Amino acid sequence: MKPFHVYMLRCRDGSYYVGHTDDIAVRIAQHQAGTFDGYTATRSPVELVFSAELETRIEALEREMQLKGWSRAKKAALARGDWDAIRALARRGARRQHV
């Protein structure tokens, strides 16, 4: 069975785009070429800054929704691979929700 991927792009304007696909090479090429309609069509070039392989489309979609809910700071930490910052930002966000 073909794996699925959740991925995050950094766009030309510095914003982040999160998506999922079953063919990451083709999807990134579509984003780069501007042939994938939507958010990235006018924000290329884009740079792949994170991807993870998952077994099912449902898992990839759930992870995509989770990442889309993250703050810009947390997405930037993910792009850097800074897991300590991600944990700290998660704790900070959890404290704000309980106030």
Protein backbone atom coordinates (compact mmCIF):
# COMPACT_ATOMS: atom_id res chain seq x y z
CA MET A 1 0.00 0.00 0.00
CA LYS A 2 1.27 3.46 -0.91
CA PRO A 3 2.05 5.69 2.08
CA PHE A 4 0.55 9.13 2.63
CA HIS A 5 2.41 12.25 3.62
CA VAL A 6 1.60 15.34 5.62
CA TYR A 7 3.80 18.24 4.61
CA MET A 8 4.47 21.88 5.36
CA LEU A 9 5.73 24.46 2.90
CA ARG A 10 7.20 27.87 3.53
CA CYS A 11 5.89 30.22 0.86
CA ARG A 12 7.66 33.13 -0.80
CA ASP A 13 5.87 35.57 1.52
CA GLY A 14 7.05 33.66 4.62
CA SER A 15 3.67 32.11 5.36
CA TYR A 16 3.20 28.38 5.89
CA TYR A 17 0.98 25.96 4.01
CA VAL A 18 0.09 22.51 5.36
CA GLY A 19 -1.34 19.71 3.23
CA HIS A 20 -1.38 15.96 2.69
CA THR A 21 -0.87 13.76 -0.35
CA ASP A 22 -0.10 10.24 -1.52
CA ASP A 23 2.65 11.46 -3.90
CA ILE A 24 4.78 14.14 -2.30
CA ALA A 25 7.15 14.66 -5.24
CA VAL A 26 4.29 15.33 -7.65
CA ARG A 27 2.44 17.56 -5.17
CA ILE A 28 5.50 19.72 -4.44
CA ALA A 29 6.11 20.08 -8.19
CA GLN A 30 2.47 21.18 -8.59
CA HIS A 31 2.90 23.78 -5.85
CA GLN A 32 6.16 25.03 -7.41
CA ALA A 33 4.61 25.29 -10.87
CA GLY A 34 1.53 27.08 -9.54
CA THR A 35 -0.75 24.40 -10.99
CA PHE A 36 -2.17 23.39 -7.61
CA ASP A 37 -5.01 25.88 -7.20
CA GLY A 38 -5.45 27.67 -3.95
CA TYR A 39 -3.23 29.24 -1.37
CA THR A 40 0.19 28.54 -2.87
CA ALA A 41 -0.70 29.36 -6.48
CA THR A 42 0.32 33.00 -6.01
CA ARG A 43 2.95 32.44 -3.32
CA SER A 44 5.60 30.39 -5.12
CA PRO A 45 8.34 29.51 -5.00
CA VAL A 46 7.68 27.33 -2.00
CA GLU A 47 10.11 25.34 0.10
CA LEU A 48 9.34 21.99 1.72
CA VAL A 49 10.24 22.46 5.39
CA PHE A 50 8.59 19.40 6.95
CA SER A 51 7.09 16.10 5.89
CA ALA A 52 6.06 12.93 7.66
CA GLU A 53 4.97 9.59 6.22
CA LEU A 54 1.77 8.02 7.54
CA GLU A 55 0.02 4.76 6.75
CA THR A 56 -3.47 6.01 5.87
CA ARG A 57 -5.09 9.06 4.34
CA ILE A 58 -7.15 9.51 7.52
CA GLU A 59 -3.97 9.68 9.64
CA ALA A 60 -2.44 12.18 7.20
CA LEU A 61 -5.59 14.33 7.21
CA GLU A 62 -5.78 14.26 11.02
CA ARG A 63 -2.13 15.34 11.28
CA GLU A 64 -2.75 18.07 8.68
CA MET A 65 -5.66 19.44 10.72
CA GLN A 66 -3.52 19.34 13.87
CA LEU A 67 -0.68 21.30 12.22
CA LYS A 68 -3.08 23.82 10.69
CA GLY A 69 -4.27 24.60 14.21
CA TRP A 70 -0.75 25.42 15.39
CA SER A 71 0.46 28.97 15.88
CA ARG A 72 2.91 30.52 13.44
CA ALA A 73 5.65 30.26 16.09
CA LYS A 74 5.02 26.56 16.55
CA LYS A 75 5.05 25.96 12.77
CA ALA A 76 8.35 27.87 12.52
CA ALA A 77 9.79 25.67 15.28
CA LEU A 78 8.64 22.58 13.37
CA ALA A 79 10.31 23.92 10.21
CA ARG A 80 13.56 24.29 12.19
CA GLY A 81 13.14 20.87 13.79
CA ASP A 82 13.24 22.56 17.20
CA TRP A 83 11.33 20.05 19.33
CA ASP A 84 12.18 21.82 22.60
CA ALA A 85 10.50 25.00 21.32
CA ILE A 86 7.49 23.01 20.10
CA ARG A 87 7.06 21.48 23.57
CA ALA A 88 7.45 24.88 25.25
CA LEU A 89 4.94 26.49 22.89
CA ALA A 90 2.50 23.62 23.47
CA ARG A 91 2.72 24.14 27.24
CA ARG A 92 2.23 27.89 26.82
CA GLY A 93 -0.84 27.32 24.61
CA ALA A 94 -2.30 24.85 27.09
CA ARG A 95 -1.95 27.39 29.91
CA ARG A 96 -3.78 30.05 27.86
CA GLN A 97 -6.69 27.69 27.22
CA HIS A 98 -7.23 27.14 30.95
CA VAL A 99 -7.26 30.83 31.90
